[in-house]
PDB file of all heavy atoms in Angstrom:
ATOM      1  N   LEU A   1       8.581 -14.618  -8.201  1.00  0.00           N
ATOM      2  CA  LEU A   1       7.779 -13.803  -7.290  1.00  0.00           C
ATOM      3  C   LEU A   1       8.689 -13.203  -6.216  1.00  0.00           C
ATOM      4  O   LEU A   1       9.400 -13.925  -5.511  1.00  0.00           O
ATOM      5  CB  LEU A   1       6.677 -14.651  -6.652  1.00  0.00           C
ATOM      6  CG  LEU A   1       5.791 -13.953  -5.612  1.00  0.00           C
ATOM      7  CD1 LEU A   1       5.010 -12.821  -6.249  1.00  0.00           C
ATOM      8  CD2 LEU A   1       4.844 -14.956  -4.953  1.00  0.00           C
ATOM      9  N   ILE A   2       8.646 -11.862  -6.087  1.00  0.00           N
ATOM     10  CA  ILE A   2       9.451 -11.145  -5.095  1.00  0.00           C
ATOM     11  C   ILE A   2       8.489 -10.400  -4.169  1.00  0.00           C
ATOM     12  O   ILE A   2       7.512  -9.792  -4.626  1.00  0.00           O
ATOM     13  CB  ILE A   2      10.411 -10.135  -5.780  1.00  0.00           C
ATOM     14  CG1 ILE A   2      11.294 -10.856  -6.807  1.00  0.00           C
ATOM     15  CG2 ILE A   2      11.258  -9.410  -4.739  1.00  0.00           C
ATOM     16  CD1 ILE A   2      10.838 -10.732  -8.223  1.00  0.00           C
ATOM     17  N   SER A   3       8.781 -10.428  -2.865  1.00  0.00           N
ATOM     18  CA  SER A   3       7.932  -9.715  -1.908  1.00  0.00           C
ATOM     19  C   SER A   3       8.784  -9.040  -0.844  1.00  0.00           C
ATOM     20  O   SER A   3       9.861  -9.524  -0.479  1.00  0.00           O
ATOM     21  CB  SER A   3       6.936 -10.674  -1.249  1.00  0.00           C
ATOM     22  OG  SER A   3       7.602 -11.618  -0.432  1.00  0.00           O
ATOM     23  N   VAL A   4       8.269  -7.888  -0.380  1.00  0.00           N
ATOM     24  CA  VAL A   4       8.905  -7.139   0.716  1.00  0.00           C
ATOM     25  C   VAL A   4       7.811  -6.843   1.737  1.00  0.00           C
ATOM     26  O   VAL A   4       6.837  -6.151   1.407  1.00  0.00           O
ATOM     27  CB  VAL A   4       9.547  -5.835   0.202  1.00  0.00           C
ATOM     28  CG1 VAL A   4      10.145  -5.060   1.381  1.00  0.00           C
ATOM     29  CG2 VAL A   4      10.609  -6.130  -0.855  1.00  0.00           C
ATOM     30  N   LYS A   5       7.968  -7.335   2.943  1.00  0.00           N
ATOM     31  CA  LYS A   5       6.930  -7.221   3.973  1.00  0.00           C
ATOM     32  C   LYS A   5       7.449  -6.391   5.154  1.00  0.00           C
ATOM     33  O   LYS A   5       8.570  -6.611   5.636  1.00  0.00           O
ATOM     34  CB  LYS A   5       6.513  -8.607   4.465  1.00  0.00           C
ATOM     35  CG  LYS A   5       5.442  -8.585   5.548  1.00  0.00           C
ATOM     36  CD  LYS A   5       5.096  -9.990   5.995  1.00  0.00           C
ATOM     37  CE  LYS A   5       4.027  -9.964   7.087  1.00  0.00           C
ATOM     38  NZ  LYS A   5       3.693 -11.316   7.570  1.00  0.00           N
ATOM     39  N   ASP A   6       6.647  -5.397   5.587  1.00  0.00           N
ATOM     40  CA  ASP A   6       7.012  -4.607   6.774  1.00  0.00           C
ATOM     41  C   ASP A   6       5.998  -4.856   7.874  1.00  0.00           C
ATOM     42  O   ASP A   6       4.989  -5.540   7.675  1.00  0.00           O
ATOM     43  CB  ASP A   6       7.098  -3.117   6.431  1.00  0.00           C
ATOM     44  CG  ASP A   6       5.762  -2.563   5.961  1.00  0.00           C
ATOM     45  OD1 ASP A   6       4.756  -2.724   6.686  1.00  0.00           O
ATOM     46  OD2 ASP A   6       5.706  -1.960   4.845  1.00  0.00           O
ATOM     47  N   GLU A   7       6.262  -4.294   9.050  1.00  0.00           N
ATOM     48  CA  GLU A   7       5.358  -4.451  10.197  1.00  0.00           C
ATOM     49  C   GLU A   7       4.827  -3.096  10.620  1.00  0.00           C
ATOM     50  O   GLU A   7       4.665  -2.799  11.798  1.00  0.00           O
ATOM     51  CB  GLU A   7       6.098  -5.132  11.350  1.00  0.00           C
ATOM     52  CG  GLU A   7       6.528  -6.559  11.028  1.00  0.00           C
ATOM     53  CD  GLU A   7       7.291  -7.215  12.174  1.00  0.00           C
ATOM     54  OE1 GLU A   7       7.727  -6.480  13.099  1.00  0.00           O
ATOM     55  OE2 GLU A   7       7.457  -8.445  12.148  1.00  0.00           O
ATOM     56  N   GLY A   8       4.546  -2.258   9.621  1.00  0.00           N
ATOM     57  CA  GLY A   8       4.088  -0.910   9.904  1.00  0.00           C
ATOM     58  C   GLY A   8       2.608  -0.855  10.241  1.00  0.00           C
ATOM     59  O   GLY A   8       1.981  -1.859  10.597  1.00  0.00           O
ATOM     60  N   MET A   9       2.037   0.322  10.069  1.00  0.00           N
ATOM     61  CA  MET A   9       0.648   0.541  10.491  1.00  0.00           C
ATOM     62  C   MET A   9      -0.361  -0.043   9.498  1.00  0.00           C
ATOM     63  O   MET A   9      -1.548  -0.127   9.809  1.00  0.00           O
ATOM     64  CB  MET A   9       0.398   2.050  10.645  1.00  0.00           C
ATOM     65  CG  MET A   9       0.594   2.835   9.351  1.00  0.00           C
ATOM     66  SD  MET A   9       0.333   4.593   9.596  1.00  0.00           S
ATOM     67  CE  MET A   9       0.639   5.192   7.938  1.00  0.00           C
ATOM     68  N   GLY A  10       0.096  -0.432   8.290  1.00  0.00           N
ATOM     69  CA  GLY A  10      -0.820  -1.026   7.334  1.00  0.00           C
ATOM     70  C   GLY A  10      -1.623   0.018   6.559  1.00  0.00           C
ATOM     71  O   GLY A  10      -1.536   1.220   6.806  1.00  0.00           O
ATOM     72  N   ILE A  11      -2.420  -0.489   5.630  1.00  0.00           N
ATOM     73  CA  ILE A  11      -3.218   0.375   4.746  1.00  0.00           C
ATOM     74  C   ILE A  11      -4.664  -0.086   4.812  1.00  0.00           C
ATOM     75  O   ILE A  11      -4.941  -1.290   4.788  1.00  0.00           O
ATOM     76  CB  ILE A  11      -2.704   0.293   3.294  1.00  0.00           C
ATOM     77  CG1 ILE A  11      -1.210   0.638   3.236  1.00  0.00           C
ATOM     78  CG2 ILE A  11      -3.504   1.209   2.381  1.00  0.00           C
ATOM     79  CD1 ILE A  11      -0.585   0.369   1.889  1.00  0.00           C
ATOM     80  N   PRO A  12      -5.629   0.831   4.866  1.00  0.00           N
ATOM     81  CA  PRO A  12      -7.045   0.418   4.840  1.00  0.00           C
ATOM     82  C   PRO A  12      -7.356  -0.396   3.576  1.00  0.00           C
ATOM     83  O   PRO A  12      -6.796  -0.156   2.496  1.00  0.00           O
ATOM     84  CB  PRO A  12      -7.802   1.759   4.834  1.00  0.00           C
ATOM     85  CG  PRO A  12      -6.860   2.721   5.469  1.00  0.00           C
ATOM     86  CD  PRO A  12      -5.482   2.287   5.064  1.00  0.00           C
ATOM     87  N   ARG A  13      -8.261  -1.344   3.729  1.00  0.00           N
ATOM     88  CA  ARG A  13      -8.564  -2.268   2.643  1.00  0.00           C
ATOM     89  C   ARG A  13      -9.046  -1.547   1.379  1.00  0.00           C
ATOM     90  O   ARG A  13      -8.700  -1.929   0.263  1.00  0.00           O
ATOM     91  CB  ARG A  13      -9.612  -3.271   3.103  1.00  0.00           C
ATOM     92  CG  ARG A  13      -9.965  -4.305   2.054  1.00  0.00           C
ATOM     93  CD  ARG A  13     -10.941  -5.327   2.603  1.00  0.00           C
ATOM     94  NE  ARG A  13     -10.362  -6.043   3.723  1.00  0.00           N
ATOM     95  CZ  ARG A  13     -11.032  -6.984   4.424  1.00  0.00           C
ATOM     96  NH1 ARG A  13     -12.286  -7.260   4.111  1.00  0.00           N
ATOM     97  NH2 ARG A  13     -10.457  -7.610   5.428  1.00  0.00           N
ATOM     98  N   ASP A  14      -9.850  -0.506   1.549  1.00  0.00           N
ATOM     99  CA  ASP A  14     -10.395   0.183   0.385  1.00  0.00           C
ATOM    100  C   ASP A  14      -9.385   1.094  -0.303  1.00  0.00           C
ATOM    101  O   ASP A  14      -9.683   1.678  -1.351  1.00  0.00           O
ATOM    102  CB  ASP A  14     -11.622   1.000   0.793  1.00  0.00           C
ATOM    103  CG  ASP A  14     -11.274   2.028   1.870  1.00  0.00           C
ATOM    104  OD1 ASP A  14     -10.237   1.861   2.545  1.00  0.00           O
ATOM    105  OD2 ASP A  14     -12.040   2.993   2.021  1.00  0.00           O
ATOM    106  N   LYS A  15      -8.165   1.201   0.270  1.00  0.00           N
ATOM    107  CA  LYS A  15      -7.159   2.079  -0.316  1.00  0.00           C
ATOM    108  C   LYS A  15      -5.924   1.323  -0.800  1.00  0.00           C
ATOM    109  O   LYS A  15      -4.987   1.939  -1.309  1.00  0.00           O
ATOM    110  CB  LYS A  15      -6.730   3.144   0.696  1.00  0.00           C
ATOM    111  CG  LYS A  15      -7.868   4.067   1.125  1.00  0.00           C
ATOM    112  CD  LYS A  15      -7.403   5.100   2.111  1.00  0.00           C
ATOM    113  CE  LYS A  15      -8.565   6.013   2.526  1.00  0.00           C
ATOM    114  NZ  LYS A  15      -8.122   7.036   3.513  1.00  0.00           N
ATOM    115  N   VAL A  16      -5.945  -0.001  -0.661  1.00  0.00           N
ATOM    116  CA  VAL A  16      -4.757  -0.786  -1.031  1.00  0.00           C
ATOM    117  C   VAL A  16      -4.460  -0.663  -2.518  1.00  0.00           C
ATOM    118  O   VAL A  16      -3.300  -0.500  -2.926  1.00  0.00           O
ATOM    119  CB  VAL A  16      -4.956  -2.267  -0.630  1.00  0.00           C
ATOM    120  CG1 VAL A  16      -3.826  -3.121  -1.195  1.00  0.00           C
ATOM    121  CG2 VAL A  16      -5.002  -2.406   0.887  1.00  0.00           C
ATOM    122  N   GLU A  17      -5.489  -0.736  -3.351  1.00  0.00           N
ATOM    123  CA  GLU A  17      -5.285  -0.721  -4.792  1.00  0.00           C
ATOM    124  C   GLU A  17      -4.868   0.656  -5.311  1.00  0.00           C
ATOM    125  O   GLU A  17      -4.383   0.774  -6.437  1.00  0.00           O
ATOM    126  CB  GLU A  17      -6.558  -1.174  -5.511  1.00  0.00           C
ATOM    127  CG  GLU A  17      -6.940  -2.625  -5.212  1.00  0.00           C
ATOM    128  CD  GLU A  17      -8.181  -3.042  -5.968  1.00  0.00           C
ATOM    129  OE1 GLU A  17      -8.748  -2.179  -6.671  1.00  0.00           O
ATOM    130  OE2 GLU A  17      -8.593  -4.209  -5.862  1.00  0.00           O
ATOM    131  N   LYS A  18      -5.051   1.712  -4.498  1.00  0.00           N
ATOM    132  CA  LYS A  18      -4.760   3.065  -4.963  1.00  0.00           C
ATOM    133  C   LYS A  18      -3.328   3.507  -4.713  1.00  0.00           C
ATOM    134  O   LYS A  18      -2.919   4.561  -5.186  1.00  0.00           O
ATOM    135  CB  LYS A  18      -5.708   4.059  -4.290  1.00  0.00           C
ATOM    136  CG  LYS A  18      -7.174   3.829  -4.642  1.00  0.00           C
ATOM    137  CD  LYS A  18      -8.058   4.868  -3.976  1.00  0.00           C
ATOM    138  CE  LYS A  18      -9.521   4.676  -4.326  1.00  0.00           C
ATOM    139  NZ  LYS A  18     -10.397   5.696  -3.706  1.00  0.00           N
ATOM    140  N   ILE A  19      -2.562   2.713  -3.951  1.00  0.00           N
ATOM    141  CA  ILE A  19      -1.229   3.186  -3.563  1.00  0.00           C
ATOM    142  C   ILE A  19      -0.271   3.218  -4.740  1.00  0.00           C
ATOM    143  O   ILE A  19       0.807   3.837  -4.643  1.00  0.00           O
ATOM    144  CB  ILE A  19      -0.637   2.308  -2.436  1.00  0.00           C
ATOM    145  CG1 ILE A  19      -0.435   0.874  -2.929  1.00  0.00           C
ATOM    146  CG2 ILE A  19      -1.521   2.346  -1.206  1.00  0.00           C
ATOM    147  CD1 ILE A  19       0.286  -0.010  -1.924  1.00  0.00           C
ATOM    148  N   PHE A  20      -0.646   2.568  -5.854  1.00  0.00           N
ATOM    149  CA  PHE A  20       0.227   2.585  -7.026  1.00  0.00           C
ATOM    150  C   PHE A  20      -0.145   3.700  -7.994  1.00  0.00           C
ATOM    151  O   PHE A  20       0.456   3.803  -9.070  1.00  0.00           O
ATOM    152  CB  PHE A  20       0.172   1.229  -7.745  1.00  0.00           C
ATOM    153  CG  PHE A  20       0.686   0.090  -6.911  1.00  0.00           C
ATOM    154  CD1 PHE A  20      -0.188  -0.750  -6.246  1.00  0.00           C
ATOM    155  CD2 PHE A  20       2.051  -0.124  -6.763  1.00  0.00           C
ATOM    156  CE1 PHE A  20       0.272  -1.803  -5.477  1.00  0.00           C
ATOM    157  CE2 PHE A  20       2.523  -1.180  -5.990  1.00  0.00           C
ATOM    158  CZ  PHE A  20       1.637  -2.020  -5.338  1.00  0.00           C
ATOM    159  N   GLU A  21      -1.131   4.506  -7.648  1.00  0.00           N
ATOM    160  CA  GLU A  21      -1.492   5.635  -8.488  1.00  0.00           C
ATOM    161  C   GLU A  21      -0.536   6.798  -8.227  1.00  0.00           C
ATOM    162  O   GLU A  21      -0.007   6.959  -7.118  1.00  0.00           O
ATOM    163  CB  GLU A  21      -2.930   6.071  -8.210  1.00  0.00           C
ATOM    164  CG  GLU A  21      -3.958   5.014  -8.570  1.00  0.00           C
ATOM    165  CD  GLU A  21      -5.370   5.473  -8.274  1.00  0.00           C
ATOM    166  OE1 GLU A  21      -5.525   6.650  -7.860  1.00  0.00           O
ATOM    167  OE2 GLU A  21      -6.313   4.664  -8.436  1.00  0.00           O
ATOM    168  N   ARG A  22      -0.362   7.625  -9.227  1.00  0.00           N
ATOM    169  CA  ARG A  22       0.572   8.750  -9.107  1.00  0.00           C
ATOM    170  C   ARG A  22       0.037   9.798  -8.134  1.00  0.00           C
ATOM    171  O   ARG A  22      -1.153  10.108  -8.138  1.00  0.00           O
ATOM    172  CB  ARG A  22       0.801   9.385 -10.483  1.00  0.00           C
ATOM    173  CG  ARG A  22       1.371   8.413 -11.502  1.00  0.00           C
ATOM    174  CD  ARG A  22       1.538   9.052 -12.854  1.00  0.00           C
ATOM    175  NE  ARG A  22       1.990   8.068 -13.847  1.00  0.00           N
ATOM    176  CZ  ARG A  22       2.270   8.353 -15.104  1.00  0.00           C
ATOM    177  NH1 ARG A  22       2.131   9.606 -15.532  1.00  0.00           N
ATOM    178  NH2 ARG A  22       2.681   7.414 -15.928  1.00  0.00           N
ATOM    179  N   PHE A  23       0.924  10.296  -7.284  1.00  0.00           N
ATOM    180  CA  PHE A  23       0.664  11.356  -6.316  1.00  0.00           C
ATOM    181  C   PHE A  23      -0.284  10.909  -5.194  1.00  0.00           C
ATOM    182  O   PHE A  23      -0.745  11.739  -4.423  1.00  0.00           O
ATOM    183  CB  PHE A  23       0.074  12.604  -7.008  1.00  0.00           C
ATOM    184  CG  PHE A  23       0.944  13.161  -8.080  1.00  0.00           C
ATOM    185  CD1 PHE A  23       0.615  12.980  -9.420  1.00  0.00           C
ATOM    186  CD2 PHE A  23       2.099  13.861  -7.765  1.00  0.00           C
ATOM    187  CE1 PHE A  23       1.412  13.498 -10.420  1.00  0.00           C
ATOM    188  CE2 PHE A  23       2.890  14.391  -8.751  1.00  0.00           C
ATOM    189  CZ  PHE A  23       2.553  14.196 -10.092  1.00  0.00           C
ATOM    190  N   TYR A  24      -0.594   9.590  -5.125  1.00  0.00           N
ATOM    191  CA  TYR A  24      -1.524   9.156  -4.085  1.00  0.00           C
ATOM    192  C   TYR A  24      -0.744   8.902  -2.792  1.00  0.00           C
ATOM    193  O   TYR A  24       0.306   8.249  -2.781  1.00  0.00           O
ATOM    194  CB  TYR A  24      -2.253   7.877  -4.501  1.00  0.00           C
ATOM    195  CG  TYR A  24      -3.268   7.445  -3.471  1.00  0.00           C
ATOM    196  CD1 TYR A  24      -4.520   8.048  -3.404  1.00  0.00           C
ATOM    197  CD2 TYR A  24      -2.957   6.455  -2.544  1.00  0.00           C
ATOM    198  CE1 TYR A  24      -5.436   7.675  -2.448  1.00  0.00           C
ATOM    199  CE2 TYR A  24      -3.875   6.073  -1.583  1.00  0.00           C
ATOM    200  CZ  TYR A  24      -5.118   6.686  -1.528  1.00  0.00           C
ATOM    201  OH  TYR A  24      -6.029   6.318  -0.578  1.00  0.00           O
ATOM    202  N   ARG A  25      -1.292   9.426  -1.659  1.00  0.00           N
ATOM    203  CA  ARG A  25      -0.719   9.204  -0.339  1.00  0.00           C
ATOM    204  C   ARG A  25      -1.830   8.785   0.596  1.00  0.00           C
ATOM    205  O   ARG A  25      -2.888   9.423   0.652  1.00  0.00           O
ATOM    206  CB  ARG A  25      -0.056  10.483   0.199  1.00  0.00           C
ATOM    207  CG  ARG A  25       1.094  11.015  -0.639  1.00  0.00           C
ATOM    208  CD  ARG A  25       1.654  12.273   0.007  1.00  0.00           C
ATOM    209  NE  ARG A  25       2.784  12.822  -0.722  1.00  0.00           N
ATOM    210  CZ  ARG A  25       2.672  13.706  -1.703  1.00  0.00           C
ATOM    211  NH1 ARG A  25       1.479  14.139  -2.053  1.00  0.00           N
ATOM    212  NH2 ARG A  25       3.755  14.151  -2.313  1.00  0.00           N
ATOM    213  N   VAL A  26      -1.596   7.707   1.333  1.00  0.00           N
ATOM    214  CA  VAL A  26      -2.597   7.259   2.317  1.00  0.00           C
ATOM    215  C   VAL A  26      -2.689   8.286   3.441  1.00  0.00           C
ATOM    216  O   VAL A  26      -3.768   8.708   3.847  1.00  0.00           O
ATOM    217  CB  VAL A  26      -2.227   5.871   2.869  1.00  0.00           C
ATOM    218  CG1 VAL A  26      -3.246   5.444   3.916  1.00  0.00           C
ATOM    219  CG2 VAL A  26      -2.169   4.852   1.737  1.00  0.00           C
TER     220      VAL A  26
END
């Protein structure tokens, strides 16, 4: 298991699963 954690602004809960889709930008 590998993980990379940042302290940025985060992603809304309903959009977390979509960030791996092509051309998707939060």
